Amino acid sequence: MGVMIIRRARAEGDAAPRAAPGRMRPVRSVTVEPGSSRTLMTDRPIDLACTLAPLGRGTGDPCHRVTADGAHWHASRLPTGPVTYRLTQSGACAVHAGAWGPGAEEFLAGLDHMLCLDEDVSAFRPDHPKLVDAHRRFPGLRMLRTGLVFEALVPAVLEQKVHTVSARASWRKLVRQFGEPAPGPAPDGMRLPPDADTWRRIPSWVYHRANVGPQRAQTIVRAARIAESLERAARVDPAEAARMLCSVPGIGVWTAAEIAQRAFGDADALSVGDYHLAATVGWTLLGRPIDDDAMVEYLEPLRPHRYRAIRLLEISGHFHKPKFGPRTALTDHSWH
């Protein structure tokens, strides 16, 4: 896939056109100070908002913001150091990036890799009308390949077997308490996620007060102890990466898939074991609920693009599951 660097400079340009809305609630725009920048143009459309949506962990995520001008801000830790980056849609086939912090140059150099501009989707030819329609309407959806395994692991573990609302509240509380201010002119309140050593040293009672049960807390601590080794999973094939991740007690196929969707750019990483996914796929594509085994069998012809199919159904609005009763109550362990 052809990619051309249009401009690389030490100063941010004028504000880009407003991007398509993502899942994050926009916050106020901020004054952008000079930083390293790069603009990419590719010969295939790229939908920045839909592509980046999995990076955000709900409204108020301290590491991810979408501002009123359509800019996507994210704070991260790269091997060369912390970075805050700002991505904007500067055309149907163009993305502008600004970056600040010690990791800025590394981030900009790897931007095309992160946005999976090299992926080949020619073999993805769904035949279900809803998938055909979604693929036609959203040709710019890309996968994400941050290469940051542990950074994707912690929020995925927090979301194991609990309501997403509760998990994201835990994430916000812990990042605000133990993260560091994001470098550069980031929006107010943005923070870097804690590094692995910090996650490892958080006391059990602090996890408890953040409504993180002992099993999930212990899984994070175990993974933090071998975080450097786990980062190697980003450099091997998907099957070996899943094996490496699942060798950590407390990490199973669902968590490994959630990591692969963000860190590896794995278009086939199907979140088997998700509480709602199989039933929603069944209602959406078959008009009836199905279980995990039936979902895996039904989606087999779409391999190696099963996760791409799920994302297309999500962003197109086709994903549907009837509501048969009230949501189950949120569980709060922090009070006892």
C-alpha atoms as a PDB file:
ATOM      1  CA  MET A   1       0.000   0.000   0.000  1.00  0.00           C
ATOM      2  CA  GLY A   2       1.570   3.263  -1.114  1.00  0.00           C
ATOM      3  CA  VAL A   3       2.269   5.766   1.619  1.00  0.00           C
ATOM      4  CA  MET A   4       3.762   9.193   1.047  1.00  0.00           C
ATOM      5  CA  ILE A   5       5.152  11.547   3.673  1.00  0.00           C
ATOM      6  CA  ILE A   6       3.774  14.924   2.713  1.00  0.00           C
ATOM      7  CA  ARG A   7       5.451  17.024   5.392  1.00  0.00           C
ATOM      8  CA  ARG A   8       7.696  16.491   8.377  1.00  0.00           C
ATOM      9  CA  ALA A   9       8.475  19.584  10.433  1.00  0.00           C
ATOM     10  CA  ARG A  10       9.169  20.854  13.927  1.00  0.00           C
ATOM     11  CA  ALA A  11       5.953  22.902  14.016  1.00  0.00           C
ATOM     12  CA  GLU A  12       2.305  21.997  13.982  1.00  0.00           C
ATOM     13  CA  GLY A  13       0.306  23.250  11.009  1.00  0.00           C
ATOM     14  CA  ASP A  14      -3.094  24.873  10.870  1.00  0.00           C
ATOM     15  CA  ALA A  15      -6.041  23.019  12.335  1.00  0.00           C
ATOM     16  CA  ALA A  16      -7.199  20.128  10.143  1.00  0.00           C
ATOM     17  CA  PRO A  17     -10.800  19.663   9.017  1.00  0.00           C
ATOM     18  CA  ARG A  18     -13.061  18.090  11.579  1.00  0.00           C
ATOM     19  CA  ALA A  19     -12.805  14.301  11.515  1.00  0.00           C
ATOM     20  CA  ALA A  20     -15.717  11.891  11.541  1.00  0.00           C
ATOM     21  CA  PRO A  21     -16.972  11.462  15.091  1.00  0.00           C
ATOM     22  CA  GLY A  22     -15.622   8.519  17.095  1.00  0.00           C
ATOM     23  CA  ARG A  23     -16.975   6.847  20.197  1.00  0.00           C
ATOM     24  CA  MET A  24     -15.339   9.270  22.604  1.00  0.00           C
ATOM     25  CA  ARG A  25     -17.261  12.340  23.785  1.00  0.00           C
ATOM     26  CA  PRO A  26     -15.510  15.445  22.384  1.00  0.00           C
ATOM     27  CA  VAL A  27     -13.968  17.855  24.866  1.00  0.00           C
ATOM     28  CA  ARG A  28     -12.863  21.398  24.319  1.00  0.00           C
ATOM     29  CA  SER A  29     -10.077  22.111  21.838  1.00  0.00           C
ATOM     30  CA  VAL A  30      -6.661  23.080  23.117  1.00  0.00           C
ATOM     31  CA  THR A  31      -3.924  25.393  21.970  1.00  0.00           C
ATOM     32  CA  VAL A  32      -1.389  23.325  20.043  1.00  0.00           C
ATOM     33  CA  GLU A  33       2.239  24.205  20.717  1.00  0.00           C
ATOM     34  CA  PRO A  34       5.039  23.380  18.231  1.00  0.00           C
ATOM     35  CA  GLY A  35       6.205  19.786  18.156  1.00  0.00           C
ATOM     36  CA  SER A  36       7.452  17.180  15.688  1.00  0.00           C
ATOM     37  CA  SER A  37       4.923  16.479  12.959  1.00  0.00           C
ATOM     38  CA  ARG A  38       4.270  14.274  10.000  1.00  0.00           C
ATOM     39  CA  THR A  39       1.522  13.964   7.406  1.00  0.00           C
ATOM     40  CA  LEU A  40       0.782  10.648   5.716  1.00  0.00           C
ATOM     41  CA  MET A  41      -1.115  10.121   2.503  1.00  0.00           C
ATOM     42  CA  THR A  42      -2.111   6.710   1.230  1.00  0.00           C
ATOM     43  CA  ASP A  43      -3.803   5.488  -1.923  1.00  0.00           C
ATOM     44  CA  ARG A  44      -6.673   3.921   0.052  1.00  0.00           C
ATOM     45  CA  PRO A  45      -9.084   5.823   2.309  1.00  0.00           C
ATOM     46  CA  ILE A  46      -8.445   5.826   6.033  1.00  0.00           C
ATOM     47  CA  ASP A  47     -11.171   6.520   8.577  1.00  0.00           C
ATOM     48  CA  LEU A  48      -9.184   7.830  11.525  1.00  0.00           C
ATOM     49  CA  ALA A  49     -12.022   8.020  14.052  1.00  0.00           C
ATOM     50  CA  CYS A  50     -13.191   4.449  13.492  1.00  0.00           C
ATOM     51  CA  THR A  51      -9.659   3.101  13.357  1.00  0.00           C
ATOM     52  CA  LEU A  52      -8.577   4.729  16.630  1.00  0.00           C
ATOM     53  CA  ALA A  53     -11.794   4.076  18.582  1.00  0.00           C
ATOM     54  CA  PRO A  54     -10.503   0.874  20.278  1.00  0.00           C
ATOM     55  CA  LEU A  55      -7.659   2.876  21.867  1.00  0.00           C
ATOM     56  CA  GLY A  56     -10.043   4.816  24.097  1.00  0.00           C
ATOM     57  CA  ARG A  57     -11.387   3.222  27.263  1.00  0.00           C
ATOM     58  CA  GLY A  58     -14.606   5.155  27.583  1.00  0.00           C
ATOM     59  CA  THR A  59     -15.496   8.760  28.276  1.00  0.00           C
ATOM     60  CA  GLY A  60     -12.977  10.343  30.629  1.00  0.00           C
ATOM     61  CA  ASP A  61     -10.101   8.003  29.778  1.00  0.00           C
ATOM     62  CA  PRO A  62      -7.059   9.916  31.123  1.00  0.00           C
ATOM     63  CA  CYS A  63      -4.892   8.516  28.299  1.00  0.00           C
ATOM     64  CA  HIS A  64      -7.176   9.287  25.366  1.00  0.00           C
ATOM     65  CA  ARG A  65      -9.218  12.317  24.299  1.00  0.00           C
ATOM     66  CA  VAL A  66     -11.120  13.520  21.266  1.00  0.00           C
ATOM     67  CA  THR A  67     -11.320  17.304  21.266  1.00  0.00           C
ATOM     68  CA  ALA A  68     -13.988  19.519  19.742  1.00  0.00           C
ATOM     69  CA  ASP A  69     -11.866  20.148  16.651  1.00  0.00           C
ATOM     70  CA  GLY A  70     -11.876  16.428  15.833  1.00  0.00           C
ATOM     71  CA  ALA A  71      -8.309  15.793  17.009  1.00  0.00           C
ATOM     72  CA  HIS A  72      -7.472  12.454  18.623  1.00  0.00           C
ATOM     73  CA  TRP A  73      -4.995  12.756  21.502  1.00  0.00           C
ATOM     74  CA  HIS A  74      -3.280   9.815  23.158  1.00  0.00           C
ATOM     75  CA  ALA A  75      -0.558   9.453  25.783  1.00  0.00           C
ATOM     76  CA  SER A  76       1.641   6.397  25.682  1.00  0.00           C
ATOM     77  CA  ARG A  77       4.983   4.911  26.711  1.00  0.00           C
ATOM     78  CA  LEU A  78       7.306   3.831  23.900  1.00  0.00           C
ATOM     79  CA  PRO A  79      10.701   2.124  24.257  1.00  0.00           C
ATOM     80  CA  THR A  80      12.387   5.498  23.676  1.00  0.00           C
ATOM     81  CA  GLY A  81      10.217   7.271  26.245  1.00  0.00           C
ATOM     82  CA  PRO A  82       6.818   8.851  26.890  1.00  0.00           C
ATOM     83  CA  VAL A  83       4.898  10.492  24.068  1.00  0.00           C
ATOM     84  CA  THR A  84       1.722  12.476  23.595  1.00  0.00           C
ATOM     85  CA  TYR A  85       0.422  12.423  20.059  1.00  0.00           C
ATOM     86  CA  ARG A  86      -2.338  14.251  18.237  1.00  0.00           C
ATOM     87  CA  LEU A  87      -3.839  12.778  15.074  1.00  0.00           C
ATOM     88  CA  THR A  88      -6.220  14.575  12.728  1.00  0.00           C
ATOM     89  CA  GLN A  89      -7.950  13.638   9.506  1.00  0.00           C
ATOM     90  CA  SER A  90      -6.493  15.974   6.905  1.00  0.00           C
ATOM     91  CA  GLY A  91      -8.195  14.368   3.920  1.00  0.00           C
ATOM     92  CA  ALA A  92      -9.981  11.163   2.964  1.00  0.00           C
ATOM     93  CA  CYS A  93      -6.599   9.511   2.411  1.00  0.00           C
ATOM     94  CA  ALA A  94      -4.448  11.634   4.699  1.00  0.00           C
ATOM     95  CA  VAL A  95      -3.609  11.843   8.392  1.00  0.00           C
ATOM     96  CA  HIS A  96      -1.638  14.558  10.141  1.00  0.00           C
ATOM     97  CA  ALA A  97       0.287  13.727  13.313  1.00  0.00           C
ATOM     98  CA  GLY A  98       1.929  15.895  15.933  1.00  0.00           C
ATOM     99  CA  ALA A  99       3.957  14.393  18.768  1.00  0.00           C
ATOM    100  CA  TRP A 100       5.676  15.613  21.940  1.00  0.00           C
ATOM    101  CA  GLY A 101       7.996  13.976  24.450  1.00  0.00           C
ATOM    102  CA  PRO A 102      11.092  11.726  24.292  1.00  0.00           C
ATOM    103  CA  GLY A 103       9.193   9.127  22.243  1.00  0.00           C
ATOM    104  CA  ALA A 104       7.946  11.573  19.609  1.00  0.00           C
ATOM    105  CA  GLU A 105      10.346  10.663  16.827  1.00  0.00           C
ATOM    106  CA  GLU A 106       9.842   6.934  17.358  1.00  0.00           C
ATOM    107  CA  PHE A 107       6.098   7.371  17.217  1.00  0.00           C
ATOM    108  CA  LEU A 108       6.146   9.413  14.023  1.00  0.00           C
ATOM    109  CA  ALA A 109       8.522   6.994  12.328  1.00  0.00           C
ATOM    110  CA  GLY A 110       6.188   4.088  13.077  1.00  0.00           C
ATOM    111  CA  LEU A 111       2.867   5.789  12.354  1.00  0.00           C
ATOM    112  CA  ASP A 112       2.176   3.984   9.069  1.00  0.00           C
ATOM    113  CA  HIS A 113       2.910   0.675  10.833  1.00  0.00           C
ATOM    114  CA  MET A 114       0.564   1.551  13.700  1.00  0.00           C
ATOM    115  CA  LEU A 115      -2.281   2.435  11.336  1.00  0.00           C
ATOM    116  CA  CYS A 116      -1.740  -0.809   9.373  1.00  0.00           C
ATOM    117  CA  LEU A 117      -1.329   1.026   6.083  1.00  0.00           C
ATOM    118  CA  ASP A 118       0.403  -2.075   4.741  1.00  0.00           C
ATOM    119  CA  GLU A 119      -2.511  -4.463   5.265  1.00  0.00           C
ATOM    120  CA  ASP A 120      -4.103  -6.273   2.335  1.00  0.00           C
ATOM    121  CA  VAL A 121      -7.889  -6.554   2.484  1.00  0.00           C
ATOM    122  CA  SER A 122      -8.395  -7.857  -1.053  1.00  0.00           C
ATOM    123  CA  ALA A 123      -9.212 -11.331   0.274  1.00  0.00           C
ATOM    124  CA  PHE A 124     -11.983  -9.993   2.515  1.00  0.00           C
ATOM    125  CA  ARG A 125     -15.128 -10.627   0.477  1.00  0.00           C
ATOM    126  CA  PRO A 126     -18.098 -11.095   2.791  1.00  0.00           C
ATOM    127  CA  ASP A 127     -21.388 -12.278   1.318  1.00  0.00           C
ATOM    128  CA  HIS A 128     -23.831 -11.413   4.106  1.00  0.00           C
ATOM    129  CA  PRO A 129     -25.768  -8.286   3.017  1.00  0.00           C
ATOM    130  CA  LYS A 130     -25.081  -6.438   6.282  1.00  0.00           C
ATOM    131  CA  LEU A 131     -21.348  -7.063   6.043  1.00  0.00           C
ATOM    132  CA  VAL A 132     -21.296  -6.170   2.358  1.00  0.00           C
ATOM    133  CA  ASP A 133     -23.063  -2.905   3.161  1.00  0.00           C
ATOM    134  CA  ALA A 134     -20.741  -2.097   6.091  1.00  0.00           C
ATOM    135  CA  HIS A 135     -17.609  -2.836   4.057  1.00  0.00           C
ATOM    136  CA  ARG A 136     -18.886  -0.620   1.248  1.00  0.00           C
ATOM    137  CA  ARG A 137     -19.760   2.265   3.573  1.00  0.00           C
ATOM    138  CA  PHE A 138     -16.569   2.152   5.655  1.00  0.00           C
ATOM    139  CA  PRO A 139     -13.669   1.410   3.281  1.00  0.00           C
ATOM    140  CA  GLY A 140     -11.336   3.421   5.509  1.00  0.00           C
ATOM    141  CA  LEU A 141     -11.474   1.152   8.561  1.00  0.00           C
ATOM    142  CA  ARG A 142      -7.969  -0.043   9.471  1.00  0.00           C
ATOM    143  CA  MET A 143      -6.699  -2.263  12.225  1.00  0.00           C
ATOM    144  CA  LEU A 144      -4.437  -0.965  15.028  1.00  0.00           C
ATOM    145  CA  ARG A 145      -0.864  -2.118  15.600  1.00  0.00           C
ATOM    146  CA  THR A 146       0.607  -0.155  18.499  1.00  0.00           C
ATOM    147  CA  GLY A 147       3.124  -2.888  19.341  1.00  0.00           C
ATOM    148  CA  LEU A 148       2.603  -2.086  23.045  1.00  0.00           C
ATOM    149  CA  VAL A 149       1.575  -5.360  24.655  1.00  0.00           C
ATOM    150  CA  PHE A 150       1.526  -4.497  28.346  1.00  0.00           C
ATOM    151  CA  GLU A 151      -0.207  -1.189  27.686  1.00  0.00           C
ATOM    152  CA  ALA A 152      -3.078  -3.070  26.028  1.00  0.00           C
ATOM    153  CA  LEU A 153      -3.000  -5.853  28.611  1.00  0.00           C
ATOM    154  CA  VAL A 154      -3.870  -3.890  31.765  1.00  0.00           C
ATOM    155  CA  PRO A 155      -7.226  -2.406  30.659  1.00  0.00           C
ATOM    156  CA  ALA A 156      -8.148  -5.744  29.050  1.00  0.00           C
ATOM    157  CA  VAL A 157      -7.553  -7.553  32.339  1.00  0.00           C
ATOM    158  CA  LEU A 158      -9.575  -4.923  34.189  1.00  0.00           C
ATOM    159  CA  GLU A 159     -12.498  -5.672  31.845  1.00  0.00           C
ATOM    160  CA  GLN A 160     -12.490  -9.422  32.548  1.00  0.00           C
ATOM    161  CA  LYS A 161     -15.895 -10.730  33.705  1.00  0.00           C
ATOM    162  CA  VAL A 162     -17.173  -7.361  34.944  1.00  0.00           C
ATOM    163  CA  HIS A 163     -19.327  -4.612  33.500  1.00  0.00           C
ATOM    164  CA  THR A 164     -17.410  -2.358  31.135  1.00  0.00           C
ATOM    165  CA  VAL A 165     -18.696   0.623  33.141  1.00  0.00           C
ATOM    166  CA  SER A 166     -17.045  -0.693  36.313  1.00  0.00           C
ATOM    167  CA  ALA A 167     -13.821  -1.681  34.562  1.00  0.00           C
ATOM    168  CA  ARG A 168     -13.382   1.725  32.993  1.00  0.00           C
ATOM    169  CA  ALA A 169     -14.042   3.458  36.293  1.00  0.00           C
ATOM    170  CA  SER A 170     -11.244   1.353  37.822  1.00  0.00           C
ATOM    171  CA  TRP A 171      -8.943   2.262  34.924  1.00  0.00           C
ATOM    172  CA  ARG A 172      -9.619   5.988  35.362  1.00  0.00           C
ATOM    173  CA  LYS A 173      -9.069   5.866  39.116  1.00  0.00           C
ATOM    174  CA  LEU A 174      -5.762   3.969  38.939  1.00  0.00           C
ATOM    175  CA  VAL A 175      -4.318   5.949  36.026  1.00  0.00           C
ATOM    176  CA  ARG A 176      -5.181   9.273  37.654  1.00  0.00           C
ATOM    177  CA  GLN A 177      -3.596   8.134  40.900  1.00  0.00           C
ATOM    178  CA  PHE A 178      -0.438   6.479  39.550  1.00  0.00           C
ATOM    179  CA  GLY A 179       0.058   7.865  36.062  1.00  0.00           C
ATOM    180  CA  GLU A 180       2.178  10.895  35.200  1.00  0.00           C
ATOM    181  CA  PRO A 181       1.190  14.096  33.377  1.00  0.00           C
ATOM    182  CA  ALA A 182       1.282  13.623  29.617  1.00  0.00           C
ATOM    183  CA  PRO A 183       4.109  15.536  27.898  1.00  0.00           C
ATOM    184  CA  GLY A 184       3.460  18.452  25.600  1.00  0.00           C
ATOM    185  CA  PRO A 185       0.327  20.567  25.209  1.00  0.00           C
ATOM    186  CA  ALA A 186      -2.091  17.760  26.035  1.00  0.00           C
ATOM    187  CA  PRO A 187      -5.680  18.525  27.066  1.00  0.00           C
ATOM    188  CA  ASP A 188      -6.150  19.140  30.783  1.00  0.00           C
ATOM    189  CA  GLY A 189      -6.055  16.000  32.863  1.00  0.00           C
ATOM    190  CA  MET A 190      -4.384  13.741  30.332  1.00  0.00           C
ATOM    191  CA  ARG A 191      -1.935  11.307  31.884  1.00  0.00           C
ATOM    192  CA  LEU A 192       0.535   8.655  30.844  1.00  0.00           C
ATOM    193  CA  PRO A 193      -0.451   5.146  31.900  1.00  0.00           C
ATOM    194  CA  PRO A 194       1.705   3.837  34.769  1.00  0.00           C
ATOM    195  CA  ASP A 195       4.715   1.793  33.710  1.00  0.00           C
ATOM    196  CA  ALA A 196       4.944  -1.920  34.467  1.00  0.00           C
ATOM    197  CA  ASP A 197       7.013  -1.442  37.610  1.00  0.00           C
ATOM    198  CA  THR A 198       4.402   0.931  39.026  1.00  0.00           C
ATOM    199  CA  TRP A 199       1.556  -1.494  38.303  1.00  0.00           C
ATOM    200  CA  ARG A 200       3.575  -4.219  40.013  1.00  0.00           C
ATOM    201  CA  ARG A 201       4.052  -2.152  43.169  1.00  0.00           C
ATOM    202  CA  ILE A 202       0.451  -0.968  43.634  1.00  0.00           C
ATOM    203  CA  PRO A 203      -0.698  -2.424  46.997  1.00  0.00           C
ATOM    204  CA  SER A 204      -3.518  -4.973  46.975  1.00  0.00           C
ATOM    205  CA  TRP A 205      -5.702  -2.728  49.114  1.00  0.00           C
ATOM    206  CA  VAL A 206      -5.410   0.060  46.554  1.00  0.00           C
ATOM    207  CA  TYR A 207      -6.598  -2.276  43.810  1.00  0.00           C
ATOM    208  CA  HIS A 208      -9.436  -3.244  46.142  1.00  0.00           C
ATOM    209  CA  ARG A 209     -10.484   0.377  46.667  1.00  0.00           C
ATOM    210  CA  ALA A 210     -10.484   0.802  42.893  1.00  0.00           C
ATOM    211  CA  ASN A 211     -13.003  -2.074  42.704  1.00  0.00           C
ATOM    212  CA  VAL A 212     -10.493  -4.493  41.180  1.00  0.00           C
ATOM    213  CA  GLY A 213     -10.927  -7.980  42.604  1.00  0.00           C
ATOM    214  CA  PRO A 214      -7.943 -10.064  43.808  1.00  0.00           C
ATOM    215  CA  GLN A 215      -7.841 -12.305  40.722  1.00  0.00           C
ATOM    216  CA  ARG A 216      -7.600  -9.423  38.249  1.00  0.00           C
ATOM    217  CA  ALA A 217      -5.133  -7.525  40.459  1.00  0.00           C
ATOM    218  CA  GLN A 218      -2.893 -10.585  40.743  1.00  0.00           C
ATOM    219  CA  THR A 219      -3.006 -11.099  36.972  1.00  0.00           C
ATOM    220  CA  ILE A 220      -1.826  -7.523  36.382  1.00  0.00           C
ATOM    221  CA  VAL A 221       0.982  -7.914  38.923  1.00  0.00           C
ATOM    222  CA  ARG A 222       2.112 -11.236  37.383  1.00  0.00           C
ATOM    223  CA  ALA A 223       2.138  -9.728  33.906  1.00  0.00           C
ATOM    224  CA  ALA A 224       3.987  -6.641  35.144  1.00  0.00           C
ATOM    225  CA  ARG A 225       6.807  -8.814  36.472  1.00  0.00           C
ATOM    226  CA  ILE A 226       7.463 -10.203  32.984  1.00  0.00           C
ATOM    227  CA  ALA A 227       6.299  -7.200  30.959  1.00  0.00           C
ATOM    228  CA  GLU A 228       9.568  -6.923  29.048  1.00  0.00           C
ATOM    229  CA  SER A 229       9.295 -10.543  27.906  1.00  0.00           C
ATOM    230  CA  LEU A 230       5.644 -10.127  26.942  1.00  0.00           C
ATOM    231  CA  GLU A 231       6.518  -7.257  24.598  1.00  0.00           C
ATOM    232  CA  ARG A 232       8.172  -9.855  22.340  1.00  0.00           C
ATOM    233  CA  ALA A 233       4.693 -11.122  21.483  1.00  0.00           C
ATOM    234  CA  ALA A 234       4.349  -8.147  19.113  1.00  0.00           C
ATOM    235  CA  ARG A 235       7.146  -9.596  16.951  1.00  0.00           C
ATOM    236  CA  VAL A 236       5.889 -13.150  16.420  1.00  0.00           C
ATOM    237  CA  ASP A 237       3.001 -14.710  14.502  1.00  0.00           C
ATOM    238  CA  PRO A 238      -0.493 -14.462  16.013  1.00  0.00           C
ATOM    239  CA  ALA A 239      -0.663 -18.086  17.189  1.00  0.00           C
ATOM    240  CA  GLU A 240       2.650 -17.840  19.032  1.00  0.00           C
ATOM    241  CA  ALA A 241       1.694 -14.446  20.467  1.00  0.00           C
ATOM    242  CA  ALA A 242      -1.543 -15.913  21.861  1.00  0.00           C
ATOM    243  CA  ARG A 243       0.393 -18.810  23.372  1.00  0.00           C
ATOM    244  CA  MET A 244       2.823 -16.418  25.057  1.00  0.00           C
ATOM    245  CA  LEU A 245       0.024 -14.314  26.499  1.00  0.00           C
ATOM    246  CA  CYS A 246      -2.031 -17.272  27.687  1.00  0.00           C
ATOM    247  CA  SER A 247       1.000 -18.666  29.524  1.00  0.00           C
ATOM    248  CA  VAL A 248       0.379 -15.966  32.138  1.00  0.00           C
ATOM    249  CA  PRO A 249      -2.069 -17.280  34.762  1.00  0.00           C
ATOM    250  CA  GLY A 250      -5.252 -15.248  34.538  1.00  0.00           C
ATOM    251  CA  ILE A 251      -4.975 -14.498  30.809  1.00  0.00           C
ATOM    252  CA  GLY A 252      -7.157 -16.544  28.481  1.00  0.00           C
ATOM    253  CA  VAL A 253      -8.280 -16.452  24.886  1.00  0.00           C
ATOM    254  CA  TRP A 254     -10.618 -13.467  25.384  1.00  0.00           C
ATOM    255  CA  THR A 255      -7.936 -11.260  26.956  1.00  0.00           C
ATOM    256  CA  ALA A 256      -5.343 -12.359  24.397  1.00  0.00           C
ATOM    257  CA  ALA A 257      -7.720 -11.375  21.588  1.00  0.00           C
ATOM    258  CA  GLU A 258      -8.425  -7.965  23.140  1.00  0.00           C
ATOM    259  CA  ILE A 259      -4.673  -7.332  23.295  1.00  0.00           C
ATOM    260  CA  ALA A 260      -4.117  -8.553  19.733  1.00  0.00           C
ATOM    261  CA  GLN A 261      -6.816  -6.215  18.415  1.00  0.00           C
ATOM    262  CA  ARG A 262      -4.892  -3.181  19.647  1.00  0.00           C
ATOM    263  CA  ALA A 263      -1.233  -4.176  19.845  1.00  0.00           C
ATOM    264  CA  PHE A 264      -0.800  -6.559  16.890  1.00  0.00           C
ATOM    265  CA  GLY A 265      -3.180  -5.280  14.211  1.00  0.00           C
ATOM    266  CA  ASP A 266      -4.676  -8.780  14.125  1.00  0.00           C
ATOM    267  CA  ALA A 267      -7.743  -8.602  11.888  1.00  0.00           C
ATOM    268  CA  ASP A 268      -8.747 -12.128  12.940  1.00  0.00           C
ATOM    269  CA  ALA A 269      -8.605 -11.676  16.744  1.00  0.00           C
ATOM    270  CA  LEU A 270     -12.106 -12.792  17.669  1.00  0.00           C
ATOM    271  CA  SER A 271     -13.056 -12.170  21.321  1.00  0.00           C
ATOM    272  CA  VAL A 272     -14.349 -15.665  22.058  1.00  0.00           C
ATOM    273  CA  GLY A 273     -15.778 -15.796  25.567  1.00  0.00           C
ATOM    274  CA  ASP A 274     -17.257 -12.303  25.502  1.00  0.00           C
ATOM    275  CA  TYR A 275     -20.497 -12.107  27.472  1.00  0.00           C
ATOM    276  CA  HIS A 276     -22.490 -10.468  24.656  1.00  0.00           C
ATOM    277  CA  LEU A 277     -20.576 -11.024  21.414  1.00  0.00           C
ATOM    278  CA  ALA A 278     -21.845 -14.413  20.222  1.00  0.00           C
ATOM    279  CA  ALA A 279     -25.490 -13.592  20.910  1.00  0.00           C
ATOM    280  CA  THR A 280     -25.149 -10.204  19.208  1.00  0.00           C
ATOM    281  CA  VAL A 281     -23.499 -11.757  16.151  1.00  0.00           C
ATOM    282  CA  GLY A 282     -26.301 -14.287  16.003  1.00  0.00           C
ATOM    283  CA  TRP A 283     -29.104 -11.720  16.276  1.00  0.00           C
ATOM    284  CA  THR A 284     -27.381  -9.439  13.749  1.00  0.00           C
ATOM    285  CA  LEU A 285     -26.541 -11.989  11.059  1.00  0.00           C
ATOM    286  CA  LEU A 286     -28.976 -14.852  11.698  1.00  0.00           C
ATOM    287  CA  GLY A 287     -31.901 -13.303  13.550  1.00  0.00           C
ATOM    288  CA  ARG A 288     -31.414 -15.541  16.583  1.00  0.00           C
ATOM    289  CA  PRO A 289     -28.918 -15.912  19.449  1.00  0.00           C
ATOM    290  CA  ILE A 290     -25.996 -18.323  19.154  1.00  0.00           C
ATOM    291  CA  ASP A 291     -23.215 -19.456  21.496  1.00  0.00           C
ATOM    292  CA  ASP A 292     -19.436 -19.152  21.121  1.00  0.00           C
ATOM    293  CA  ASP A 293     -19.001 -22.467  19.289  1.00  0.00           C
ATOM    294  CA  ALA A 294     -21.687 -21.584  16.763  1.00  0.00           C
ATOM    295  CA  MET A 295     -20.195 -18.104  16.283  1.00  0.00           C
ATOM    296  CA  VAL A 296     -16.737 -19.516  15.605  1.00  0.00           C
ATOM    297  CA  GLU A 297     -18.179 -21.990  13.094  1.00  0.00           C
ATOM    298  CA  TYR A 298     -20.337 -19.376  11.370  1.00  0.00           C
ATOM    299  CA  LEU A 299     -17.510 -16.844  11.018  1.00  0.00           C
ATOM    300  CA  GLU A 300     -14.926 -19.394   9.876  1.00  0.00           C
ATOM    301  CA  PRO A 301     -15.275 -18.469   6.158  1.00  0.00           C
ATOM    302  CA  LEU A 302     -14.226 -14.909   7.040  1.00  0.00           C
ATOM    303  CA  ARG A 303     -10.877 -15.985   8.493  1.00  0.00           C
ATOM    304  CA  PRO A 304      -8.409 -14.151   8.689  1.00  0.00           C
ATOM    305  CA  HIS A 305     -10.733 -11.137   8.941  1.00  0.00           C
ATOM    306  CA  ARG A 306     -13.208 -12.151  11.648  1.00  0.00           C
ATOM    307  CA  TYR A 307     -12.419  -9.220  13.931  1.00  0.00           C
ATOM    308  CA  ARG A 308     -12.599  -6.847  10.965  1.00  0.00           C
ATOM    309  CA  ALA A 309     -16.114  -8.122  10.347  1.00  0.00           C
ATOM    310  CA  ILE A 310     -17.067  -7.443  13.971  1.00  0.00           C
ATOM    311  CA  ARG A 311     -15.698  -3.886  13.820  1.00  0.00           C
ATOM    312  CA  LEU A 312     -17.570  -3.205  10.585  1.00  0.00           C
ATOM    313  CA  LEU A 313     -20.833  -4.357  12.145  1.00  0.00           C
ATOM    314  CA  GLU A 314     -20.159  -2.144  15.180  1.00  0.00           C
ATOM    315  CA  ILE A 315     -19.360   1.070  13.335  1.00  0.00           C
ATOM    316  CA  SER A 316     -22.054   0.616  10.681  1.00  0.00           C
ATOM    317  CA  GLY A 317     -24.842   0.450  13.246  1.00  0.00           C
ATOM    318  CA  HIS A 318     -25.896  -3.035  12.154  1.00  0.00           C
ATOM    319  CA  PHE A 319     -24.911  -4.691  15.435  1.00  0.00           C
ATOM    320  CA  HIS A 320     -28.121  -5.510  17.272  1.00  0.00           C
ATOM    321  CA  LYS A 321     -29.213  -7.560  20.265  1.00  0.00           C
ATOM    322  CA  PRO A 322     -32.777  -7.332  21.640  1.00  0.00           C
ATOM    323  CA  LYS A 323     -33.171  -6.234  25.235  1.00  0.00           C
ATOM    324  CA  PHE A 324     -35.125  -8.738  27.281  1.00  0.00           C
ATOM    325  CA  GLY A 325     -34.764  -7.141  30.710  1.00  0.00           C
ATOM    326  CA  PRO A 326     -32.847  -4.635  32.800  1.00  0.00           C
ATOM    327  CA  ARG A 327     -29.064  -4.647  32.878  1.00  0.00           C
ATOM    328  CA  THR A 328     -27.597  -6.759  35.650  1.00  0.00           C
ATOM    329  CA  ALA A 329     -26.474  -4.790  38.688  1.00  0.00           C
ATOM    330  CA  LEU A 330     -22.941  -3.441  38.891  1.00  0.00           C
ATOM    331  CA  THR A 331     -20.789  -5.236  41.423  1.00  0.00           C
ATOM    332  CA  ASP A 332     -18.876  -3.104  43.921  1.00  0.00           C
ATOM    333  CA  HIS A 333     -16.233  -4.887  45.972  1.00  0.00           C
ATOM    334  CA  SER A 334     -14.546  -1.755  47.247  1.00  0.00           C
ATOM    335  CA  TRP A 335     -16.780  -1.171  50.250  1.00  0.00           C
ATOM    336  CA  HIS A 336     -15.830  -4.315  52.195  1.00  0.00           C
END
